[in-house]
Amino acid sequence: MQKKTHLLFSIICISICFSANEMIFANPNDTPPSLEESYAQFGYISVEKAVKEFENHFKQDVKLPEIKPSIPFTLQFGRFNEDNKYDINDLLEIKLVNEKVTVNNYKIDIRPLKNKITFKNRGNQKVYTLKNGQKAIYVEHQLFNFFVFEDGNWQYMLGIDKRVSKVTADTLVEIANSIE
């Protein structure tokens, strides 16, 4: 009986191996989508177009920081996320990335103050005062460090990949202060 079981098991294993051993041919011209194409698939467009969509939706201008982190970026994208269901998650996202240096990843999220996110007791926080007198918080998170502040009718959240040690909280204060 045991011999029959071993023989049956061997036959099943061999048939599985032969049936799973199919040839798959790849087209040598197939290339993965570029980073730009990948972002476009998720609705990202030029920063200018995304800002216009955001401003048109809220019927008011938004100011962007005049300076950026002093690390190299190769691409920048924007996306206006309109929350048609609840009308509380409308958001302008701006992303700056580097195709070759993946840690060079910087983002700006802007939302109306009426829908701002509060960061009480989240992560390791430090409070800063901007040149306009507004308070801002620096939050250390698992993957990104965030700098959150308000200007005009907007809440801004600057985020930088935590692995970029060159961009400090003081750098983000300087970037926030560049909004005129």
Protein backbone atom coordinates (compact mmCIF):
# COMPACT_ATOMS: atom_id res chain seq x y z
CA MET A 1 0.00 0.00 0.00
CA GLN A 2 2.82 2.38 0.89
CA LYS A 3 4.56 1.69 -2.45
CA LYS A 4 1.38 2.57 -4.32
CA THR A 5 1.07 5.84 -2.41
CA HIS A 6 4.69 6.78 -3.18
CA LEU A 7 4.23 5.87 -6.84
CA LEU A 8 1.01 7.89 -7.09
CA PHE A 9 2.63 10.83 -5.34
CA SER A 10 5.64 10.68 -7.70
CA ILE A 11 3.38 10.59 -10.78
CA ILE A 12 1.41 13.62 -9.53
CA CYS A 13 4.61 15.59 -8.83
CA ILE A 14 6.09 14.78 -12.24
CA SER A 15 2.87 15.72 -14.05
CA ILE A 16 2.70 19.04 -12.16
CA CYS A 17 6.32 19.81 -13.07
CA PHE A 18 5.76 19.07 -16.75
CA SER A 19 2.47 20.98 -16.94
CA ALA A 20 3.97 24.02 -15.22
CA ASN A 21 7.02 24.06 -17.50
CA GLU A 22 5.58 26.25 -20.25
CA MET A 23 7.59 28.68 -22.32
CA ILE A 24 6.74 32.35 -21.95
CA PHE A 25 7.97 34.72 -24.60
CA ALA A 26 8.47 38.39 -23.90
CA ASN A 27 8.50 41.08 -26.51
CA PRO A 28 12.00 42.61 -26.43
CA ASN A 29 10.41 45.98 -27.24
CA ASP A 30 8.28 45.93 -24.08
CA THR A 31 9.59 48.47 -21.63
CA PRO A 32 8.15 49.45 -18.29
CA PRO A 33 6.34 52.79 -18.25
CA SER A 34 8.46 55.83 -17.51
CA LEU A 35 8.08 57.59 -14.19
CA GLU A 36 6.12 60.33 -15.98
CA GLU A 37 3.75 57.77 -17.49
CA SER A 38 3.31 56.09 -14.12
CA TYR A 39 2.38 59.36 -12.43
CA ALA A 40 0.04 60.24 -15.32
CA GLN A 41 -1.78 56.94 -14.78
CA PHE A 42 -2.60 58.16 -11.25
CA GLY A 43 -3.95 61.49 -12.50
CA TYR A 44 -0.87 63.66 -12.09
CA ILE A 45 -0.45 66.51 -14.56
CA SER A 46 1.74 69.59 -14.73
CA VAL A 47 1.94 71.65 -11.55
CA GLU A 48 0.61 74.70 -13.39
CA LYS A 49 -2.53 72.88 -14.61
CA ALA A 50 -3.20 71.31 -11.21
CA VAL A 51 -2.85 74.69 -9.45
CA LYS A 52 -5.30 76.26 -11.96
CA GLU A 53 -7.84 73.47 -11.36
CA PHE A 54 -7.50 73.97 -7.58
CA GLU A 55 -7.82 77.76 -7.82
CA ASN A 56 -10.82 77.52 -10.18
CA HIS A 57 -12.55 75.09 -7.84
CA PHE A 58 -12.13 77.35 -4.80
CA LYS A 59 -12.34 80.62 -6.76
CA GLN A 60 -9.26 82.02 -5.02
CA ASP A 61 -5.53 82.10 -5.60
CA VAL A 62 -3.04 79.87 -3.86
CA LYS A 63 0.59 80.81 -3.31
CA LEU A 64 3.40 78.30 -3.63
CA PRO A 65 6.73 78.50 -1.83
CA GLU A 66 9.34 80.42 -3.84
CA ILE A 67 12.16 78.06 -2.88
CA LYS A 68 12.57 74.28 -2.88
CA PRO A 69 14.88 71.95 -0.99
CA SER A 70 18.43 72.23 -2.34
CA ILE A 71 18.54 68.66 -3.62
CA PRO A 72 18.20 67.71 -7.29
CA PHE A 73 14.79 66.85 -8.73
CA THR A 74 14.22 65.68 -12.30
CA LEU A 75 10.41 65.74 -12.45
CA GLN A 76 7.54 67.61 -10.88
CA PHE A 77 3.84 66.79 -10.95
CA GLY A 78 0.60 68.15 -9.61
CA ARG A 79 -2.84 66.77 -8.96
CA PHE A 80 -6.06 68.31 -7.74
CA ASN A 81 -8.11 65.77 -5.81
CA GLU A 82 -11.74 66.82 -5.67
CA ASP A 83 -13.84 65.05 -3.06
CA ASN A 84 -17.20 64.85 -4.82
CA LYS A 85 -18.70 62.58 -2.17
CA TYR A 86 -18.03 64.36 1.14
CA ASP A 87 -16.53 67.70 0.05
CA ILE A 88 -14.00 67.59 2.87
CA ASN A 89 -10.94 66.06 1.24
CA ASP A 90 -10.27 68.50 -1.60
CA LEU A 91 -6.52 68.72 -1.93
CA LEU A 92 -3.78 70.06 -4.18
CA GLU A 93 -0.78 67.74 -4.30
CA ILE A 94 2.57 68.75 -5.73
CA LYS A 95 5.36 66.19 -5.96
CA LEU A 96 9.00 66.68 -6.89
CA VAL A 97 10.99 63.51 -7.51
CA ASN A 98 14.29 62.38 -8.89
CA GLU A 99 14.32 59.45 -11.31
CA LYS A 100 17.84 58.41 -10.33
CA VAL A 101 17.91 59.27 -6.61
CA THR A 102 14.66 57.87 -5.26
CA VAL A 103 15.09 59.38 -1.79
CA ASN A 104 14.87 62.86 -3.34
CA ASN A 105 11.13 62.89 -2.87
CA TYR A 106 9.42 66.12 -1.78
CA LYS A 107 5.75 66.97 -1.62
CA ILE A 108 3.46 69.88 -0.90
CA ASP A 109 -0.16 69.27 0.07
CA ILE A 110 -2.50 72.26 0.24
CA ARG A 111 -6.06 72.13 1.54
CA PRO A 112 -8.62 74.71 2.68
CA LEU A 113 -8.44 75.62 6.38
CA LYS A 114 -12.05 74.54 6.91
CA ASN A 115 -10.85 70.96 6.21
CA LYS A 116 -7.45 71.11 7.83
CA ILE A 117 -5.82 68.13 9.43
CA THR A 118 -4.84 68.39 13.07
CA PHE A 119 -1.63 66.77 14.24
CA LYS A 120 -2.07 66.67 18.00
CA ASN A 121 0.04 63.97 19.61
CA ARG A 122 1.10 62.41 16.31
CA GLY A 123 4.73 61.47 16.04
CA ASN A 124 7.64 63.43 17.40
CA GLN A 125 6.65 67.12 17.06
CA LYS A 126 8.34 70.46 17.45
CA VAL A 127 6.69 73.89 17.18
CA TYR A 128 8.22 76.71 15.12
CA THR A 129 7.21 80.32 14.54
CA LEU A 130 7.21 81.63 10.97
CA LYS A 131 8.19 85.18 10.03
CA ASN A 132 4.48 86.10 9.69
CA GLY A 133 3.94 85.08 13.34
CA GLN A 134 2.05 81.88 12.51
CA LYS A 135 2.88 78.72 14.43
CA ALA A 136 3.99 75.66 12.50
CA ILE A 137 4.73 72.11 13.54
CA TYR A 138 7.43 69.77 12.41
CA VAL A 139 6.39 66.11 12.63
CA GLU A 140 8.80 63.20 12.33
CA HIS A 141 6.99 60.22 10.87
CA GLN A 142 8.10 56.74 9.79
CA LEU A 143 8.81 57.53 6.12
CA PHE A 144 8.44 61.30 5.78
CA ASN A 145 9.08 64.33 7.91
CA PHE A 146 6.30 66.90 7.65
CA PHE A 147 6.12 70.63 8.22
CA VAL A 148 2.56 71.88 8.69
CA PHE A 149 1.48 75.52 8.74
CA GLU A 150 -1.29 77.87 7.70
CA ASP A 151 -1.15 80.82 5.34
CA GLY A 152 -4.17 82.76 4.14
CA ASN A 153 -7.11 80.37 3.78
CA TRP A 154 -4.90 77.32 3.31
CA GLN A 155 -3.18 74.63 5.32
CA TYR A 156 0.17 73.63 3.84
CA MET A 157 1.94 70.39 4.54
CA LEU A 158 5.50 70.07 3.26
CA GLY A 159 6.89 66.56 3.28
CA ILE A 160 10.38 65.26 2.66
CA ASP A 161 11.64 61.69 2.57
CA LYS A 162 13.12 60.96 5.99
CA ARG A 163 16.31 59.55 4.40
CA VAL A 164 17.27 63.00 3.06
CA SER A 165 19.17 64.24 6.10
CA LYS A 166 20.30 67.38 4.24
CA VAL A 167 16.74 68.80 4.43
CA THR A 168 16.15 69.70 8.05
CA ALA A 169 13.30 71.35 9.93
CA ASP A 170 15.14 74.67 9.54
CA THR A 171 15.18 74.16 5.76
CA LEU A 172 11.43 73.60 5.80
CA VAL A 173 10.94 76.76 7.90
CA GLU A 174 12.89 78.67 5.25
CA ILE A 175 10.72 77.17 2.48
CA ALA A 176 7.51 78.05 4.37
CA ASN A 177 8.77 81.61 4.90
CA SER A 178 9.30 81.97 1.13
CA ILE A 179 5.55 82.14 0.50
CA GLU A 180 4.86 85.79 -0.31
